[in-house]
Amino acid sequence: MSSVERYFVTLLAARWMGLPVSQGQHFLLSTASLSILGYEHNLAEGSAIILWNAVWNEIFDQVTSQVLKFAAMKGAQ
């Protein structure tokens, strides 16, 4: 991700949250990370950052944890 792209994404996140553009500088963003903007409880007026600056190993750990919990629930039935 180039510095221009990183700058744009951090500005987008600031505006998504209703903050001034100048606050985008506080959103750190790594190369090859995943970020997801969404809505709190699917309400249009409740902007939220669902996931920010997650790198592959963090995403893998979260998904694996959820799959194991699901499998344990199914096995207990």
C-alpha atoms as a PDB file:
ATOM      1  CA  MET A   1       0.000   0.000   0.000  1.00  0.00           C
ATOM      2  CA  SER A   2       1.478   3.326  -0.991  1.00  0.00           C
ATOM      3  CA  SER A   3       1.573   6.282   1.366  1.00  0.00           C
ATOM      4  CA  VAL A   4      -1.163   7.977  -0.687  1.00  0.00           C
ATOM      5  CA  GLU A   5      -3.453   4.954  -0.359  1.00  0.00           C
ATOM      6  CA  ARG A   6      -2.716   4.684   3.367  1.00  0.00           C
ATOM      7  CA  TYR A   7      -3.476   8.398   3.770  1.00  0.00           C
ATOM      8  CA  PHE A   8      -6.787   8.023   1.905  1.00  0.00           C
ATOM      9  CA  VAL A   9      -7.896   5.019   3.974  1.00  0.00           C
ATOM     10  CA  THR A  10      -7.102   6.733   7.282  1.00  0.00           C
ATOM     11  CA  LEU A  11      -9.012   9.846   6.170  1.00  0.00           C
ATOM     12  CA  LEU A  12     -11.927   7.661   5.122  1.00  0.00           C
ATOM     13  CA  ALA A  13     -11.955   6.003   8.553  1.00  0.00           C
ATOM     14  CA  ALA A  14     -11.948   9.376  10.319  1.00  0.00           C
ATOM     15  CA  ARG A  15     -14.839  10.674   8.239  1.00  0.00           C
ATOM     16  CA  TRP A  16     -16.694   7.351   8.610  1.00  0.00           C
ATOM     17  CA  MET A  17     -16.614   7.870  12.360  1.00  0.00           C
ATOM     18  CA  GLY A  18     -17.767  11.493  12.006  1.00  0.00           C
ATOM     19  CA  LEU A  19     -14.378  12.923  12.947  1.00  0.00           C
ATOM     20  CA  PRO A  20     -12.605  15.812  11.212  1.00  0.00           C
ATOM     21  CA  VAL A  21     -10.204  14.864   8.414  1.00  0.00           C
ATOM     22  CA  SER A  22      -7.279  15.954  10.601  1.00  0.00           C
ATOM     23  CA  GLN A  23      -8.009  13.075  12.992  1.00  0.00           C
ATOM     24  CA  GLY A  24      -7.121  10.530  10.306  1.00  0.00           C
ATOM     25  CA  GLN A  25      -3.507  10.791  11.456  1.00  0.00           C
ATOM     26  CA  HIS A  26      -4.420   8.814  14.588  1.00  0.00           C
ATOM     27  CA  PHE A  27      -5.469   5.701  12.654  1.00  0.00           C
ATOM     28  CA  LEU A  28      -2.345   3.594  12.202  1.00  0.00           C
ATOM     29  CA  LEU A  29      -2.364   1.264   9.233  1.00  0.00           C
ATOM     30  CA  SER A  30       0.147  -1.447   8.342  1.00  0.00           C
ATOM     31  CA  THR A  31       0.911  -2.774   4.896  1.00  0.00           C
ATOM     32  CA  ALA A  32      -1.191  -5.802   3.876  1.00  0.00           C
ATOM     33  CA  SER A  33      -3.622  -5.424   6.756  1.00  0.00           C
ATOM     34  CA  LEU A  34      -7.380  -5.797   6.713  1.00  0.00           C
ATOM     35  CA  SER A  35      -9.812  -3.152   7.930  1.00  0.00           C
ATOM     36  CA  ILE A  36     -13.605  -3.260   7.797  1.00  0.00           C
ATOM     37  CA  LEU A  37     -15.962  -0.308   8.232  1.00  0.00           C
ATOM     38  CA  GLY A  38     -19.561  -1.072   9.086  1.00  0.00           C
ATOM     39  CA  TYR A  39     -22.502  -0.167  11.249  1.00  0.00           C
ATOM     40  CA  GLU A  40     -23.200  -0.881  14.885  1.00  0.00           C
ATOM     41  CA  HIS A  41     -26.124  -3.309  15.069  1.00  0.00           C
ATOM     42  CA  ASN A  42     -26.745  -2.669  11.345  1.00  0.00           C
ATOM     43  CA  LEU A  43     -28.071   0.838  12.045  1.00  0.00           C
ATOM     44  CA  ALA A  44     -27.150   3.429   9.421  1.00  0.00           C
ATOM     45  CA  GLU A  45     -26.631   6.113  12.067  1.00  0.00           C
ATOM     46  CA  GLY A  46     -24.248   3.915  14.058  1.00  0.00           C
ATOM     47  CA  SER A  47     -20.986   3.993  12.107  1.00  0.00           C
ATOM     48  CA  ALA A  48     -18.405   1.587  13.510  1.00  0.00           C
ATOM     49  CA  ILE A  49     -14.964   0.214  12.787  1.00  0.00           C
ATOM     50  CA  ILE A  50     -15.574  -3.529  12.754  1.00  0.00           C
ATOM     51  CA  LEU A  51     -11.935  -4.494  12.246  1.00  0.00           C
ATOM     52  CA  TRP A  52      -8.856  -2.293  11.949  1.00  0.00           C
ATOM     53  CA  ASN A  53      -5.299  -3.021  10.891  1.00  0.00           C
ATOM     54  CA  ALA A  54      -5.573  -6.796  11.333  1.00  0.00           C
ATOM     55  CA  VAL A  55      -2.708  -8.816   9.917  1.00  0.00           C
ATOM     56  CA  TRP A  56      -3.011 -12.369   8.630  1.00  0.00           C
ATOM     57  CA  ASN A  57      -1.952 -14.234  11.775  1.00  0.00           C
ATOM     58  CA  GLU A  58      -4.497 -12.308  13.888  1.00  0.00           C
ATOM     59  CA  ILE A  59      -7.275 -13.009  11.396  1.00  0.00           C
ATOM     60  CA  PHE A  60      -6.281 -16.693  11.194  1.00  0.00           C
ATOM     61  CA  ASP A  61      -6.268 -16.999  14.999  1.00  0.00           C
ATOM     62  CA  GLN A  62      -9.726 -15.414  15.290  1.00  0.00           C
ATOM     63  CA  VAL A  63     -11.242 -17.575  12.561  1.00  0.00           C
ATOM     64  CA  THR A  64      -9.662 -20.730  13.977  1.00  0.00           C
ATOM     65  CA  SER A  65     -10.975 -19.887  17.438  1.00  0.00           C
ATOM     66  CA  GLN A  66     -14.512 -19.385  16.096  1.00  0.00           C
ATOM     67  CA  VAL A  67     -14.403 -22.633  14.100  1.00  0.00           C
ATOM     68  CA  LEU A  68     -13.230 -24.577  17.158  1.00  0.00           C
ATOM     69  CA  LYS A  69     -16.005 -23.062  19.306  1.00  0.00           C
ATOM     70  CA  PHE A  70     -18.585 -23.973  16.666  1.00  0.00           C
ATOM     71  CA  ALA A  71     -17.234 -27.516  16.401  1.00  0.00           C
ATOM     72  CA  ALA A  72     -17.328 -27.896  20.181  1.00  0.00           C
ATOM     73  CA  MET A  73     -20.953 -26.724  20.264  1.00  0.00           C
ATOM     74  CA  LYS A  74     -21.916 -29.172  17.521  1.00  0.00           C
ATOM     75  CA  GLY A  75     -20.069 -32.006  19.260  1.00  0.00           C
ATOM     76  CA  ALA A  76     -21.899 -31.336  22.535  1.00  0.00           C
ATOM     77  CA  GLN A  77     -25.313 -31.744  20.888  1.00  0.00           C
END
